[in-house]
Amino acid sequence: MPELPEVETIARGVDARTRGDRIVEAWFSGHSEPFKTPPRQQAAGLEGRIIFHVHRTGKHLVCELGPASRLVDSSSIERDAAHEAQRPDAQWIVHLGMTGRLLVTTPDQPVAKHTHARLLLASGREIRFVDPRRFGRLEFRDLLGCAGFRGAGQEPLTVGAAAFAALFRGRRLAIKAALLNQTLLTGVGNIYADESLFRAGIRPRRQAGRLTKTELERLRLELINVLKHAIQLGGSSVSDYVDANGVRGFFQLEHFVYMRTGEACLRCGTPIKRILVAGRGTHYCPKCQR
């Protein structure tokens, strides 16, 4: 499943190529699984709207949208975007699930078999949502009638030391399980939990509430560092992930422990172990992590 760095990379790519553009036409597949909002309702809500901004919230992509209009002239689009940029009144929310992709392409490109949404833009570009396993979700929100989308937990890239420590105070669950709890930290997944715990020198099964303030602060800083570095490298392509242009990431080349079971630790040479924590495959170094 794409995690915070992958979703952030996609959000930045989609935003760079579609900001200020207008949705001319919206098409959705007949499969029911990907839709939190019925396809007809999504199409009606999206068509004509201008894309103000695309950003990440947790593991979700959020397209901030302006008022619907029949204008499709590109110069008008740019003026509208500049004038209305602070006043979105709708959102299109995309969760990629296990295998979802949000791509920016052109209508003449071949359409993948498992394409579930196609948004034709006034510029001639097209946004496509592709998801073979159909665990992703698409939702439209009219902000005049409901609240905007918000993540359930703290944002890992900006959470402060005191707030981070407070998340784990008194908790008996394993620190790895706590990192994966989206109501605590929104966006952290298996890859970056393993990698940040290794860099912080903390074993994944240690009880979250028993970590010292020093250990928690080290973990917070390492988590931020690993997430930022992964974003710089375009995320980790260990399965189906590609960015908005269809390009694979490179952070998998810098994994210390994730998916390296039995291989020598890059720091001490000890074989990497794999265990289950909260039902998730978990990788760590028995010597470097205590």
Protein backbone atom coordinates (compact mmCIF):
# COMPACT_ATOMS: atom_id res chain seq x y z
CA MET A 1 0.00 0.00 0.00
CA PRO A 2 1.38 3.46 -0.86
CA GLU A 3 2.42 5.26 2.33
CA LEU A 4 3.01 8.92 3.17
CA PRO A 5 6.07 9.51 0.92
CA GLU A 6 4.44 7.82 -2.07
CA VAL A 7 1.16 9.70 -1.66
CA GLU A 8 3.03 12.99 -1.11
CA THR A 9 5.05 12.38 -4.29
CA ILE A 10 1.89 11.70 -6.30
CA ALA A 11 0.13 14.74 -4.84
CA ARG A 12 2.99 17.02 -5.81
CA GLY A 13 3.12 15.59 -9.31
CA VAL A 14 -0.62 15.87 -9.93
CA ASP A 15 -0.68 19.38 -8.47
CA ALA A 16 2.17 20.57 -10.66
CA ARG A 17 0.46 19.33 -13.83
CA THR A 18 -3.19 20.17 -13.11
CA ARG A 19 -3.34 23.23 -10.83
CA GLY A 20 -5.53 25.87 -12.45
CA ASP A 21 -6.98 23.44 -14.99
CA ARG A 22 -10.69 22.75 -15.35
CA ILE A 23 -12.49 19.39 -15.38
CA VAL A 24 -14.45 19.22 -18.61
CA GLU A 25 -15.78 15.67 -18.40
CA ALA A 26 -15.72 12.87 -15.83
CA TRP A 27 -16.09 9.15 -16.56
CA PHE A 28 -16.31 6.32 -14.01
CA SER A 29 -16.35 2.54 -14.39
CA GLY A 30 -19.26 0.27 -13.49
CA HIS A 31 -17.48 -1.39 -10.57
CA SER A 32 -18.99 -0.37 -7.24
CA GLU A 33 -16.00 -1.03 -4.97
CA PRO A 34 -13.90 2.10 -5.61
CA PHE A 35 -16.70 4.58 -4.95
CA LYS A 36 -17.60 6.13 -1.59
CA THR A 37 -19.73 8.59 -3.59
CA PRO A 38 -21.92 7.17 -6.40
CA PRO A 39 -20.31 7.63 -9.84
CA ARG A 40 -23.14 9.77 -11.23
CA GLN A 41 -22.96 12.08 -8.23
CA GLN A 42 -19.19 12.36 -8.59
CA ALA A 43 -19.43 13.16 -12.30
CA ALA A 44 -22.11 15.79 -11.72
CA GLY A 45 -20.11 17.36 -8.92
CA LEU A 46 -16.76 17.36 -10.73
CA GLU A 47 -17.62 18.50 -14.24
CA GLY A 48 -16.87 22.17 -14.82
CA ARG A 49 -14.89 22.66 -11.63
CA ILE A 50 -11.45 24.23 -11.49
CA ILE A 51 -8.60 22.48 -9.69
CA PHE A 52 -7.15 24.88 -7.14
CA HIS A 53 -4.67 22.60 -5.43
CA VAL A 54 -3.86 18.91 -4.92
CA HIS A 55 -2.32 17.88 -1.60
CA ARG A 56 -1.88 14.95 0.75
CA THR A 57 -3.72 14.37 4.01
CA GLY A 58 -2.45 11.19 5.66
CA LYS A 59 -2.59 8.52 2.96
CA HIS A 60 -5.29 10.39 1.01
CA LEU A 61 -4.97 12.65 -2.02
CA VAL A 62 -7.24 15.69 -1.75
CA CYS A 63 -8.11 17.79 -4.80
CA GLU A 64 -9.39 21.21 -3.72
CA LEU A 65 -11.94 22.38 -6.27
CA GLY A 66 -13.52 25.69 -7.17
CA PRO A 67 -17.01 26.57 -8.40
CA ALA A 68 -18.33 24.81 -11.50
CA SER A 69 -18.23 26.86 -14.68
CA ARG A 70 -18.74 26.36 -18.39
CA LEU A 71 -15.57 28.32 -19.20
CA VAL A 72 -12.82 26.22 -20.76
CA ASP A 73 -10.55 28.92 -22.17
CA SER A 74 -7.07 28.41 -20.66
CA SER A 75 -6.46 32.13 -19.98
CA SER A 76 -9.79 32.31 -18.14
CA ILE A 77 -8.82 29.23 -16.14
CA GLU A 78 -5.60 30.86 -15.00
CA ARG A 79 -7.40 34.07 -13.97
CA ASP A 80 -10.06 32.08 -12.12
CA ALA A 81 -7.42 30.02 -10.29
CA ALA A 82 -5.55 33.12 -9.12
CA HIS A 83 -8.75 34.88 -8.07
CA GLU A 84 -10.44 31.93 -6.33
CA ALA A 85 -7.41 30.05 -4.99
CA GLN A 86 -8.29 30.56 -1.34
CA ARG A 87 -11.93 29.55 -1.64
CA PRO A 88 -12.43 25.90 -2.63
CA ASP A 89 -16.01 24.78 -2.27
CA ALA A 90 -15.62 21.08 -3.10
CA GLN A 91 -13.11 18.23 -2.77
CA TRP A 92 -12.32 15.09 -4.70
CA ILE A 93 -10.69 12.62 -2.31
CA VAL A 94 -8.65 9.66 -3.54
CA HIS A 95 -7.39 6.76 -1.43
CA LEU A 96 -5.08 4.50 -3.42
CA GLY A 97 -5.74 1.31 -1.44
CA MET A 98 -3.25 -1.49 -2.13
CA THR A 99 -2.59 -1.05 -5.85
CA GLY A 100 -4.15 2.27 -6.85
CA ARG A 101 -2.47 4.76 -9.18
CA LEU A 102 -3.40 8.36 -9.94
CA LEU A 103 -1.83 9.32 -13.27
CA VAL A 104 -1.76 12.48 -15.37
CA THR A 105 -1.62 11.61 -19.04
CA THR A 106 -3.26 12.45 -22.37
CA PRO A 107 -6.41 10.92 -23.90
CA ASP A 108 -4.46 9.28 -26.73
CA GLN A 109 -2.49 7.06 -24.31
CA PRO A 110 -3.67 3.43 -23.97
CA VAL A 111 -6.22 2.97 -21.20
CA ALA A 112 -5.17 0.39 -18.61
CA LYS A 113 -7.53 -2.54 -18.02
CA HIS A 114 -8.41 -1.57 -14.45
CA THR A 115 -9.07 2.13 -15.01
CA HIS A 116 -12.00 3.28 -12.85
CA ALA A 117 -11.97 7.05 -13.40
CA ARG A 118 -10.97 9.43 -16.19
CA LEU A 119 -11.17 13.19 -15.78
CA LEU A 120 -10.71 15.10 -19.04
CA LEU A 121 -9.23 18.56 -18.44
CA ALA A 122 -9.52 21.74 -20.47
CA SER A 123 -5.78 21.68 -21.14
CA GLY A 124 -6.14 18.38 -22.98
CA ARG A 125 -4.61 16.36 -20.17
CA GLU A 126 -6.41 13.57 -18.39
CA ILE A 127 -6.36 12.33 -14.79
CA ARG A 128 -6.80 8.57 -14.51
CA PHE A 129 -7.39 6.40 -11.46
CA VAL A 130 -6.22 2.81 -12.02
CA ASP A 131 -6.69 0.10 -9.37
CA PRO A 132 -6.48 -3.62 -10.24
CA ARG A 133 -7.52 -4.88 -6.80
CA ARG A 134 -10.23 -2.23 -6.28
CA PHE A 135 -9.35 -1.49 -2.64
CA GLY A 136 -8.96 2.23 -3.41
CA ARG A 137 -11.77 4.71 -2.81
CA LEU A 138 -13.01 7.83 -4.62
CA GLU A 139 -15.19 10.41 -2.88
CA PHE A 140 -16.67 13.79 -3.80
CA ARG A 141 -17.54 16.34 -1.11
CA ASP A 142 -19.54 19.52 -1.60
CA LEU A 143 -18.09 21.77 1.09
CA LEU A 144 -21.24 23.86 1.14
CA GLY A 145 -23.01 20.90 2.71
CA CYS A 146 -20.32 19.07 4.71
CA ALA A 147 -16.93 19.50 6.33
CA GLY A 148 -13.68 19.11 4.43
CA PHE A 149 -11.61 15.96 4.70
CA ARG A 150 -9.23 15.74 7.68
CA GLY A 151 -6.86 13.03 8.82
CA ALA A 152 -7.69 11.19 12.04
CA GLY A 153 -4.24 11.44 13.64
CA GLN A 154 -1.25 13.75 13.94
CA GLU A 155 0.73 14.70 10.84
CA PRO A 156 4.12 12.90 11.18
CA LEU A 157 6.12 15.55 9.31
CA THR A 158 5.08 18.40 11.61
CA VAL A 159 4.18 16.83 14.98
CA GLY A 160 6.13 18.41 17.85
CA ALA A 161 8.12 16.60 20.55
CA ALA A 162 5.54 16.98 23.32
CA ALA A 163 2.60 15.99 21.11
CA PHE A 164 4.50 12.99 19.76
CA ALA A 165 5.40 11.72 23.23
CA ALA A 166 1.82 12.20 24.39
CA LEU A 167 0.56 9.86 21.66
CA PHE A 168 2.27 6.87 23.28
CA ARG A 169 1.98 7.72 26.97
CA GLY A 170 0.54 4.79 28.93
CA ARG A 171 0.00 2.63 25.83
CA ARG A 172 0.71 -1.07 26.24
CA LEU A 173 0.78 -1.97 22.56
CA ALA A 174 4.05 -2.50 20.70
CA ILE A 175 5.66 0.64 19.35
CA LYS A 176 5.47 -0.76 15.79
CA ALA A 177 1.71 -1.25 16.17
CA ALA A 178 1.38 2.26 17.62
CA LEU A 179 3.19 3.79 14.64
CA LEU A 180 0.77 2.05 12.29
CA ASN A 181 -2.31 3.29 14.19
CA GLN A 182 -3.76 5.94 11.88
CA THR A 183 -5.69 7.58 14.72
CA LEU A 184 -2.33 8.40 16.32
CA LEU A 185 -0.14 9.20 13.32
CA THR A 186 -1.76 9.54 9.93
CA GLY A 187 0.18 8.26 6.92
CA VAL A 188 2.84 6.00 8.46
CA GLY A 189 2.82 2.45 7.11
CA ASN A 190 4.86 -0.73 7.33
CA ILE A 191 7.91 0.38 5.37
CA TYR A 192 8.58 3.61 7.20
CA ALA A 193 7.72 2.25 10.64
CA ASP A 194 10.39 -0.46 10.19
CA GLU A 195 12.94 1.94 8.75
CA SER A 196 12.47 4.65 11.39
CA LEU A 197 12.61 2.14 14.26
CA PHE A 198 15.88 0.78 12.89
CA ARG A 199 17.39 4.24 12.58
CA ALA A 200 16.24 5.07 16.12
CA GLY A 201 17.69 1.78 17.48
CA ILE A 202 14.36 0.64 18.96
CA ARG A 203 12.99 -2.90 18.74
CA PRO A 204 9.51 -3.06 17.18
CA ARG A 205 7.96 -5.15 19.98
CA ARG A 206 8.89 -2.78 22.79
CA GLN A 207 5.90 -1.44 24.68
CA ALA A 208 5.14 2.08 23.44
CA GLY A 209 4.31 3.45 26.88
CA ARG A 210 7.65 2.33 28.33
CA LEU A 211 9.90 4.16 25.90
CA THR A 212 11.82 7.02 27.47
CA LYS A 213 11.42 10.64 26.40
CA THR A 214 14.88 10.44 24.86
CA GLU A 215 13.97 7.35 22.84
CA LEU A 216 10.69 8.86 21.68
CA GLU A 217 12.36 12.07 20.58
CA ARG A 218 15.00 10.08 18.70
CA LEU A 219 12.22 8.10 17.03
CA ARG A 220 10.30 11.27 16.11
CA LEU A 221 13.34 12.84 14.48
CA GLU A 222 14.30 9.66 12.63
CA LEU A 223 10.73 9.23 11.40
CA ILE A 224 10.69 12.77 10.03
CA ASN A 225 14.12 12.29 8.43
CA VAL A 226 13.25 9.01 6.75
CA LEU A 227 9.92 10.33 5.45
CA LYS A 228 11.50 13.47 4.02
CA HIS A 229 14.34 11.53 2.41
CA ALA A 230 11.88 9.05 0.89
CA ILE A 231 9.87 11.93 -0.57
CA GLN A 232 13.05 13.35 -2.12
CA LEU A 233 13.67 9.98 -3.79
CA GLY A 234 10.10 9.63 -5.05
CA GLY A 235 8.98 6.99 -2.54
CA SER A 236 9.56 3.22 -2.42
CA SER A 237 8.57 1.08 -5.40
CA VAL A 238 8.40 -2.39 -3.86
CA SER A 239 5.21 -3.46 -5.67
CA ASP A 240 2.86 -1.49 -7.93
CA TYR A 241 3.71 2.06 -6.92
CA VAL A 242 4.54 4.70 -9.53
CA ASP A 243 4.20 8.47 -9.36
CA ALA A 244 1.78 10.68 -11.30
CA ASN A 245 3.93 10.33 -14.42
CA GLY A 246 4.18 6.55 -14.16
CA VAL A 247 7.78 6.66 -12.84
CA ARG A 248 9.01 4.35 -10.08
CA GLY A 249 10.56 5.65 -6.84
CA PHE A 250 14.09 4.95 -5.59
CA PHE A 251 13.95 4.86 -1.79
CA GLN A 252 13.72 1.05 -1.81
CA LEU A 253 17.41 1.12 -2.72
CA GLU A 254 18.13 2.67 0.69
CA HIS A 255 16.09 0.35 2.91
CA PHE A 256 18.12 -0.85 5.90
CA VAL A 257 15.72 -3.57 7.07
CA TYR A 258 12.41 -3.66 5.18
CA MET A 259 12.13 -6.83 3.05
CA ARG A 260 15.78 -7.74 3.80
CA THR A 261 15.06 -10.87 5.87
CA GLY A 262 18.22 -12.96 6.36
CA GLU A 263 20.48 -10.41 4.70
CA ALA A 264 23.35 -8.84 6.59
CA CYS A 265 22.61 -5.62 8.48
CA LEU A 266 24.28 -2.79 6.60
CA ARG A 267 25.65 -1.45 9.88
CA CYS A 268 26.76 -4.48 11.91
CA GLY A 269 26.47 -7.51 9.62
CA THR A 270 23.92 -9.36 11.78
CA PRO A 271 21.20 -11.13 9.73
CA ILE A 272 17.95 -9.14 9.58
CA LYS A 273 15.02 -10.88 11.27
CA ARG A 274 11.36 -10.90 10.32
CA ILE A 275 8.57 -11.23 12.91
CA LEU A 276 4.86 -10.43 13.05
CA VAL A 277 3.68 -7.38 14.98
CA ALA A 278 -0.02 -6.54 14.91
CA GLY A 279 -0.36 -8.99 12.03
CA ARG A 280 2.20 -7.17 9.89
CA GLY A 281 5.53 -8.48 8.67
CA THR A 282 8.16 -6.58 10.63
CA HIS A 283 11.89 -6.38 9.93
CA TYR A 284 14.63 -5.44 12.39
CA CYS A 285 18.26 -5.97 13.38
CA PRO A 286 18.64 -7.93 16.65
CA LYS A 287 21.94 -6.17 17.43
CA CYS A 288 21.35 -2.57 16.37
CA GLN A 289 17.86 -2.34 17.86
CA ARG A 290 17.27 -2.74 21.60
